[in-house]
C-alpha atoms as a PDB file:
ATOM      1  CA  UNK A   1       4.447  31.720  -7.803  1.00  0.00           C
ATOM      2  CA  UNK A   2       3.367  29.372 -10.600  1.00  0.00           C
ATOM      3  CA  UNK A   3       2.205  25.832  -9.840  1.00  0.00           C
ATOM      4  CA  UNK A   4       1.152  23.321 -12.460  1.00  0.00           C
ATOM      5  CA  UNK A   5      -2.487  22.305 -12.237  1.00  0.00           C
ATOM      6  CA  UNK A   6      -1.566  18.632 -11.950  1.00  0.00           C
ATOM      7  CA  UNK A   7       1.182  19.121  -9.327  1.00  0.00           C
ATOM      8  CA  UNK A   8      -0.875  17.638  -6.489  1.00  0.00           C
ATOM      9  CA  UNK A   9      -1.674  14.518  -8.511  1.00  0.00           C
ATOM     10  CA  UNK A  10       1.980  14.073  -9.465  1.00  0.00           C
ATOM     11  CA  UNK A  11       3.113  14.401  -5.856  1.00  0.00           C
ATOM     12  CA  UNK A  12       0.452  11.949  -4.640  1.00  0.00           C
ATOM     13  CA  UNK A  13       1.359   9.479  -7.384  1.00  0.00           C
ATOM     14  CA  UNK A  14       5.067   9.644  -6.547  1.00  0.00           C
ATOM     15  CA  UNK A  15       4.476   9.378  -2.787  1.00  0.00           C
ATOM     16  CA  UNK A  16       2.005   6.524  -3.215  1.00  0.00           C
ATOM     17  CA  UNK A  17       4.477   4.570  -5.291  1.00  0.00           C
ATOM     18  CA  UNK A  18       7.384   5.167  -2.921  1.00  0.00           C
ATOM     19  CA  UNK A  19       5.618   4.701   0.408  1.00  0.00           C
ATOM     20  CA  UNK A  20       3.298   1.849  -0.516  1.00  0.00           C
ATOM     21  CA  UNK A  21       6.019  -0.013  -2.391  1.00  0.00           C
ATOM     22  CA  UNK A  22       8.213   0.076   0.708  1.00  0.00           C
ATOM     23  CA  UNK A  23       5.368  -0.978   3.007  1.00  0.00           C
ATOM     24  CA  UNK A  24       4.352  -3.820   0.722  1.00  0.00           C
ATOM     25  CA  UNK A  25       7.929  -5.071   0.502  1.00  0.00           C
ATOM     26  CA  UNK A  26       8.131  -5.137   4.312  1.00  0.00           C
ATOM     27  CA  UNK A  27       4.762  -6.866   4.729  1.00  0.00           C
ATOM     28  CA  UNK A  28       5.566  -9.502   2.112  1.00  0.00           C
ATOM     29  CA  UNK A  29       8.962 -10.174   3.665  1.00  0.00           C
ATOM     30  CA  UNK A  30       7.460 -10.533   7.142  1.00  0.00           C
ATOM     31  CA  UNK A  31       4.637 -12.733   5.872  1.00  0.00           C
ATOM     32  CA  UNK A  32       7.247 -15.044   4.322  1.00  0.00           C
ATOM     33  CA  UNK A  33       9.106 -15.210   7.629  1.00  0.00           C
ATOM     34  CA  UNK A  34       5.845 -16.138   9.331  1.00  0.00           C
ATOM     35  CA  UNK A  35       4.968 -18.629   6.597  1.00  0.00           C
ATOM     36  CA  UNK A  36       1.783 -16.807   5.672  1.00  0.00           C
ATOM     37  CA  UNK A  37       0.583 -17.785   2.216  1.00  0.00           C
ATOM     38  CA  UNK A  38      -0.119 -15.193  -0.456  1.00  0.00           C
ATOM     39  CA  UNK A  39      -3.788 -16.102  -0.334  1.00  0.00           C
ATOM     40  CA  UNK A  40      -3.940 -15.657   3.424  1.00  0.00           C
ATOM     41  CA  UNK A  41      -2.156 -12.319   3.209  1.00  0.00           C
ATOM     42  CA  UNK A  42      -4.568 -11.098   0.545  1.00  0.00           C
ATOM     43  CA  UNK A  43      -7.520 -12.189   2.680  1.00  0.00           C
ATOM     44  CA  UNK A  44      -6.068 -10.313   5.644  1.00  0.00           C
ATOM     45  CA  UNK A  45      -5.722  -7.151   3.568  1.00  0.00           C
ATOM     46  CA  UNK A  46      -9.255  -7.448   2.192  1.00  0.00           C
ATOM     47  CA  UNK A  47     -10.597  -8.082   5.675  1.00  0.00           C
ATOM     48  CA  UNK A  48      -8.932  -4.912   6.960  1.00  0.00           C
ATOM     49  CA  UNK A  49     -10.302  -2.911   4.044  1.00  0.00           C
ATOM     50  CA  UNK A  50     -13.805  -4.196   4.755  1.00  0.00           C
ATOM     51  CA  UNK A  51     -13.470  -3.409   8.440  1.00  0.00           C
ATOM     52  CA  UNK A  52     -12.455   0.181   7.681  1.00  0.00           C
ATOM     53  CA  UNK A  53     -15.341   0.707   5.237  1.00  0.00           C
ATOM     54  CA  UNK A  54     -17.872   0.264   8.022  1.00  0.00           C
END
């Protein structure tokens, strides 16, 4: 069986765009319902990233 050398990267790129786009749409919609500002949402995301880096 022949597989292109960049197949994994293409699959990851496609999945990242599909999955993360959907998740972001849901988070943004819910943050609007909860009246969370864009700035606050960004801070929450950055805070979670920092927490996971430890």
